[in-house]
N, C-alpha and C. Protein backbone atom coordinates (compact mmCIF):
# COMPACT_ATOMS: atom_id res chain seq x y z
N UNK A 1 27.15 103.08 56.90
CA UNK A 1 25.96 102.42 57.38
C UNK A 1 24.72 103.12 56.82
N UNK A 2 23.78 102.33 56.38
CA UNK A 2 22.56 102.90 55.80
C UNK A 2 21.69 103.51 56.88
N UNK A 3 20.99 104.57 56.50
CA UNK A 3 20.07 105.20 57.44
C UNK A 3 18.82 104.33 57.59
N UNK A 4 18.08 104.62 58.64
CA UNK A 4 16.84 103.87 58.88
C UNK A 4 15.83 104.09 57.77
N UNK A 5 15.81 105.31 57.20
CA UNK A 5 14.87 105.59 56.11
C UNK A 5 15.18 104.76 54.88
N UNK A 6 16.45 104.62 54.53
CA UNK A 6 16.78 103.83 53.35
C UNK A 6 16.50 102.35 53.58
N UNK A 7 16.68 101.88 54.81
CA UNK A 7 16.34 100.49 55.11
C UNK A 7 14.83 100.26 54.99
N UNK A 8 14.06 101.19 55.54
CA UNK A 8 12.60 101.07 55.49
C UNK A 8 12.11 101.14 54.06
N UNK A 9 12.65 102.07 53.30
CA UNK A 9 12.18 102.21 51.92
C UNK A 9 12.61 101.04 51.05
N UNK A 10 13.78 100.50 51.30
CA UNK A 10 14.21 99.31 50.57
C UNK A 10 13.31 98.12 50.86
N UNK A 11 12.97 97.96 52.12
CA UNK A 11 12.05 96.88 52.49
C UNK A 11 10.66 97.14 51.94
N UNK A 12 10.23 98.39 51.93
CA UNK A 12 8.91 98.72 51.38
C UNK A 12 8.83 98.35 49.92
N UNK A 13 9.90 98.62 49.17
CA UNK A 13 9.93 98.27 47.75
C UNK A 13 9.86 96.76 47.57
N UNK A 14 10.70 96.04 48.30
CA UNK A 14 10.73 94.58 48.20
C UNK A 14 9.40 93.96 48.61
N UNK A 15 8.86 94.39 49.74
CA UNK A 15 7.58 93.86 50.21
C UNK A 15 6.47 94.20 49.23
N UNK A 16 6.48 95.42 48.69
CA UNK A 16 5.46 95.82 47.73
C UNK A 16 5.46 94.96 46.49
N UNK A 17 6.64 94.71 45.94
CA UNK A 17 6.72 93.86 44.74
C UNK A 17 6.28 92.44 45.06
N UNK A 18 6.72 91.90 46.19
CA UNK A 18 6.32 90.54 46.56
C UNK A 18 4.81 90.43 46.79
N UNK A 19 4.23 91.41 47.49
CA UNK A 19 2.78 91.40 47.72
C UNK A 19 2.04 91.52 46.39
N UNK A 20 2.52 92.39 45.52
CA UNK A 20 1.89 92.55 44.21
C UNK A 20 1.95 91.24 43.43
N UNK A 21 3.07 90.56 43.46
CA UNK A 21 3.18 89.29 42.74
C UNK A 21 2.28 88.22 43.35
N UNK A 22 2.33 88.07 44.66
CA UNK A 22 1.53 87.03 45.32
C UNK A 22 0.04 87.25 45.11
N UNK A 23 -0.43 88.45 45.41
CA UNK A 23 -1.86 88.70 45.28
C UNK A 23 -2.28 88.81 43.81
N UNK A 24 -1.35 89.18 42.95
CA UNK A 24 -1.65 89.16 41.52
C UNK A 24 -1.86 87.73 41.02
N UNK A 25 -1.00 86.81 41.44
CA UNK A 25 -1.17 85.42 41.05
C UNK A 25 -2.44 84.82 41.63
N UNK A 26 -2.78 85.24 42.85
CA UNK A 26 -3.99 84.72 43.50
C UNK A 26 -5.24 85.36 42.92
N UNK A 27 -5.10 86.48 42.24
CA UNK A 27 -6.26 87.16 41.66
C UNK A 27 -7.09 87.88 42.70
N UNK A 28 -6.49 88.28 43.79
CA UNK A 28 -7.21 88.94 44.86
C UNK A 28 -7.58 90.36 44.47
N UNK A 29 -8.80 90.74 44.76
CA UNK A 29 -9.25 92.11 44.54
C UNK A 29 -9.63 92.77 45.86
N UNK A 30 -9.00 92.34 46.92
CA UNK A 30 -9.27 92.87 48.25
C UNK A 30 -8.83 94.34 48.31
N UNK A 31 -9.73 95.20 48.72
CA UNK A 31 -9.45 96.64 48.79
C UNK A 31 -8.31 96.92 49.76
N UNK A 32 -8.23 96.17 50.85
CA UNK A 32 -7.16 96.40 51.82
C UNK A 32 -5.79 96.11 51.22
N UNK A 33 -5.70 95.09 50.37
CA UNK A 33 -4.43 94.78 49.70
C UNK A 33 -4.06 95.92 48.76
N UNK A 34 -5.02 96.40 47.99
CA UNK A 34 -4.74 97.49 47.06
C UNK A 34 -4.32 98.75 47.80
N UNK A 35 -5.00 99.07 48.90
CA UNK A 35 -4.64 100.25 49.68
C UNK A 35 -3.24 100.09 50.28
N UNK A 36 -2.91 98.89 50.72
CA UNK A 36 -1.56 98.63 51.22
C UNK A 36 -0.52 98.84 50.15
N UNK A 37 -0.81 98.40 48.92
CA UNK A 37 0.12 98.61 47.81
C UNK A 37 0.26 100.09 47.48
N UNK A 38 -0.83 100.84 47.56
CA UNK A 38 -0.76 102.28 47.31
C UNK A 38 0.13 102.95 48.35
N UNK A 39 -0.05 102.60 49.61
CA UNK A 39 0.77 103.17 50.69
C UNK A 39 2.24 102.80 50.50
N UNK A 40 2.51 101.54 50.17
CA UNK A 40 3.89 101.13 49.92
C UNK A 40 4.48 101.87 48.72
N UNK A 41 3.68 102.10 47.70
CA UNK A 41 4.14 102.86 46.54
C UNK A 41 4.51 104.29 46.91
N UNK A 42 3.70 104.91 47.75
CA UNK A 42 4.00 106.27 48.20
C UNK A 42 5.30 106.28 49.02
N UNK A 43 5.47 105.29 49.89
CA UNK A 43 6.69 105.20 50.69
C UNK A 43 7.90 105.03 49.79
N UNK A 44 7.79 104.16 48.80
CA UNK A 44 8.89 103.95 47.85
C UNK A 44 9.21 105.24 47.12
N UNK A 45 8.20 105.93 46.65
CA UNK A 45 8.42 107.18 45.92
C UNK A 45 9.05 108.27 46.78
N UNK A 46 8.63 108.34 48.03
CA UNK A 46 9.16 109.38 48.92
C UNK A 46 10.56 109.08 49.42
N UNK A 47 10.83 107.84 49.77
CA UNK A 47 12.05 107.53 50.49
C UNK A 47 13.10 106.75 49.70
N UNK A 48 12.71 106.02 48.67
CA UNK A 48 13.64 105.09 48.04
C UNK A 48 14.32 105.65 46.80
N UNK A 49 13.72 106.60 46.14
CA UNK A 49 14.25 107.07 44.86
C UNK A 49 14.93 108.42 45.07
N UNK A 50 16.24 108.45 44.86
CA UNK A 50 16.99 109.70 45.00
C UNK A 50 16.84 110.53 43.74
N UNK A 51 17.29 111.77 43.80
CA UNK A 51 17.22 112.65 42.63
C UNK A 51 18.03 112.09 41.47
N UNK A 52 19.16 111.47 41.79
CA UNK A 52 20.01 110.89 40.74
C UNK A 52 19.33 109.70 40.05
N UNK A 53 18.50 108.99 40.79
CA UNK A 53 17.83 107.81 40.24
C UNK A 53 16.48 108.11 39.60
N UNK A 54 16.00 109.32 39.77
CA UNK A 54 14.63 109.62 39.37
C UNK A 54 14.40 109.47 37.86
N UNK A 55 15.37 109.87 37.05
CA UNK A 55 15.18 109.77 35.59
C UNK A 55 15.02 108.31 35.16
N UNK A 56 15.90 107.43 35.63
CA UNK A 56 15.79 106.01 35.27
C UNK A 56 14.52 105.39 35.84
N UNK A 57 14.17 105.76 37.06
CA UNK A 57 12.95 105.23 37.68
C UNK A 57 11.72 105.65 36.89
N UNK A 58 11.65 106.94 36.54
CA UNK A 58 10.48 107.43 35.80
C UNK A 58 10.36 106.79 34.43
N UNK A 59 11.49 106.59 33.76
CA UNK A 59 11.45 105.95 32.45
C UNK A 59 10.98 104.50 32.57
N UNK A 60 11.52 103.79 33.55
CA UNK A 60 11.13 102.39 33.74
C UNK A 60 9.66 102.27 34.10
N UNK A 61 9.20 103.12 35.00
CA UNK A 61 7.80 103.07 35.41
C UNK A 61 6.87 103.49 34.28
N UNK A 62 7.28 104.48 33.51
CA UNK A 62 6.44 104.90 32.38
C UNK A 62 6.25 103.75 31.40
N UNK A 63 7.32 103.04 31.11
CA UNK A 63 7.23 101.90 30.20
C UNK A 63 6.34 100.81 30.81
N UNK A 64 6.54 100.51 32.08
CA UNK A 64 5.73 99.49 32.75
C UNK A 64 4.25 99.87 32.74
N UNK A 65 3.94 101.11 33.02
CA UNK A 65 2.55 101.56 33.08
C UNK A 65 1.90 101.51 31.70
N UNK A 66 2.61 101.99 30.68
CA UNK A 66 2.05 102.00 29.33
C UNK A 66 1.84 100.59 28.82
N UNK A 67 2.85 99.75 28.97
CA UNK A 67 2.74 98.37 28.47
C UNK A 67 1.67 97.60 29.23
N UNK A 68 1.61 97.79 30.53
CA UNK A 68 0.59 97.09 31.32
C UNK A 68 -0.81 97.55 30.96
N UNK A 69 -0.97 98.84 30.78
CA UNK A 69 -2.30 99.37 30.48
C UNK A 69 -2.76 99.01 29.06
N UNK A 70 -1.86 99.13 28.10
CA UNK A 70 -2.24 98.91 26.72
C UNK A 70 -2.13 97.44 26.29
N UNK A 71 -1.42 96.64 27.05
CA UNK A 71 -1.22 95.25 26.67
C UNK A 71 -2.26 94.29 27.19
N UNK A 72 -3.27 94.78 27.86
CA UNK A 72 -4.28 93.89 28.45
C UNK A 72 -5.05 93.10 27.39
N UNK A 73 -5.34 93.71 26.27
CA UNK A 73 -6.09 93.00 25.22
C UNK A 73 -5.31 91.83 24.67
N UNK A 74 -4.00 91.97 24.60
CA UNK A 74 -3.16 90.89 24.07
C UNK A 74 -2.99 89.75 25.07
N UNK A 75 -3.29 90.01 26.33
CA UNK A 75 -3.05 89.02 27.38
C UNK A 75 -4.33 88.36 27.89
N UNK A 76 -5.41 88.44 27.15
CA UNK A 76 -6.67 87.89 27.65
C UNK A 76 -6.60 86.39 27.91
N UNK A 77 -5.69 85.68 27.27
CA UNK A 77 -5.55 84.24 27.49
C UNK A 77 -4.81 83.94 28.79
N UNK A 78 -4.19 84.95 29.39
CA UNK A 78 -3.43 84.76 30.62
C UNK A 78 -3.95 85.69 31.72
N UNK A 79 -5.10 85.37 32.29
CA UNK A 79 -5.68 86.28 33.28
C UNK A 79 -4.80 86.47 34.52
N UNK A 80 -4.02 85.49 34.90
CA UNK A 80 -3.14 85.64 36.06
C UNK A 80 -2.07 86.69 35.78
N UNK A 81 -1.60 86.79 34.54
CA UNK A 81 -0.60 87.80 34.21
C UNK A 81 -1.22 89.19 34.23
N UNK A 82 -2.46 89.31 33.79
CA UNK A 82 -3.16 90.59 33.88
C UNK A 82 -3.30 91.01 35.34
N UNK A 83 -3.63 90.05 36.21
CA UNK A 83 -3.75 90.36 37.64
C UNK A 83 -2.42 90.83 38.24
N UNK A 84 -1.33 90.18 37.85
CA UNK A 84 0.00 90.57 38.35
C UNK A 84 0.33 91.98 37.87
N UNK A 85 0.10 92.26 36.60
CA UNK A 85 0.39 93.59 36.07
C UNK A 85 -0.47 94.66 36.73
N UNK A 86 -1.74 94.34 36.99
CA UNK A 86 -2.61 95.30 37.70
C UNK A 86 -2.09 95.58 39.11
N UNK A 87 -1.65 94.53 39.80
CA UNK A 87 -1.13 94.71 41.15
C UNK A 87 0.16 95.54 41.12
N UNK A 88 1.02 95.29 40.14
CA UNK A 88 2.24 96.10 40.02
C UNK A 88 1.90 97.55 39.68
N UNK A 89 0.86 97.75 38.88
CA UNK A 89 0.43 99.12 38.57
C UNK A 89 -0.03 99.86 39.84
N UNK A 90 -0.75 99.15 40.69
CA UNK A 90 -1.24 99.76 41.92
C UNK A 90 -0.06 100.17 42.81
N UNK A 91 1.05 99.44 42.74
CA UNK A 91 2.25 99.79 43.49
C UNK A 91 3.03 100.92 42.82
N UNK A 92 3.23 100.84 41.51
CA UNK A 92 4.13 101.77 40.84
C UNK A 92 3.51 103.10 40.43
N UNK A 93 2.22 103.15 40.22
CA UNK A 93 1.60 104.44 39.82
C UNK A 93 1.76 105.48 40.94
N UNK A 94 1.44 105.18 42.19
CA UNK A 94 1.66 106.21 43.23
C UNK A 94 3.13 106.59 43.38
N UNK A 95 4.02 105.61 43.28
CA UNK A 95 5.45 105.92 43.38
C UNK A 95 5.88 106.82 42.24
N UNK A 96 5.37 106.56 41.05
CA UNK A 96 5.71 107.38 39.89
C UNK A 96 5.18 108.80 40.05
N UNK A 97 3.98 108.94 40.55
CA UNK A 97 3.40 110.27 40.76
C UNK A 97 4.24 111.06 41.75
N UNK A 98 4.64 110.42 42.84
CA UNK A 98 5.45 111.10 43.87
C UNK A 98 6.80 111.53 43.29
N UNK A 99 7.48 110.61 42.61
CA UNK A 99 8.81 110.92 42.07
C UNK A 99 8.71 111.99 40.97
N UNK A 100 7.71 111.88 40.10
CA UNK A 100 7.55 112.86 39.03
C UNK A 100 7.24 114.25 39.59
N UNK A 101 6.41 114.31 40.60
CA UNK A 101 6.08 115.59 41.23
C UNK A 101 7.31 116.19 41.89
N UNK A 102 8.05 115.38 42.63
CA UNK A 102 9.27 115.86 43.28
C UNK A 102 10.29 116.33 42.23
N UNK A 103 10.41 115.58 41.15
CA UNK A 103 11.33 115.95 40.08
C UNK A 103 10.93 117.27 39.43
N UNK A 104 9.63 117.47 39.22
CA UNK A 104 9.15 118.73 38.63
C UNK A 104 9.44 119.90 39.56
N UNK A 105 9.23 119.73 40.86
CA UNK A 105 9.54 120.81 41.80
C UNK A 105 11.04 121.11 41.83
N UNK A 106 11.87 120.06 41.77
CA UNK A 106 13.32 120.27 41.75
C UNK A 106 13.75 121.01 40.49
N UNK A 107 13.14 120.69 39.35
CA UNK A 107 13.48 121.38 38.11
C UNK A 107 13.01 122.85 38.16
N UNK A 108 11.86 123.09 38.74
CA UNK A 108 11.35 124.46 38.84
C UNK A 108 12.18 125.30 39.78
N UNK A 109 12.73 124.66 40.80
CA UNK A 109 13.55 125.37 41.78
C UNK A 109 14.90 125.81 41.20
N UNK A 110 15.44 124.99 40.30
CA UNK A 110 16.78 125.31 39.78
C UNK A 110 16.76 126.15 38.54
């Protein structure tokens, strides 16, 4: 049986991605939505990503962050896609920072 933390973090990840997609498509720039995505990203980073998964998670997030950040000029004809990528960045950047920091501490400890 899954622990309560893994259930919460799994839901946080799912809700975060759905909120990022919905508000990205809507083009919302509401600060409360962005802050909610940041909080969900921190929860995902703290509770959802195990040490065994951290390498794959960091690689995937690094690619997503780089492509999203550098690909904006190529996507000017699709502003809704830029909004979705920005919303996903707001979710994944805090999660990536948390997981990368935890991974660095684990490497320094061993």
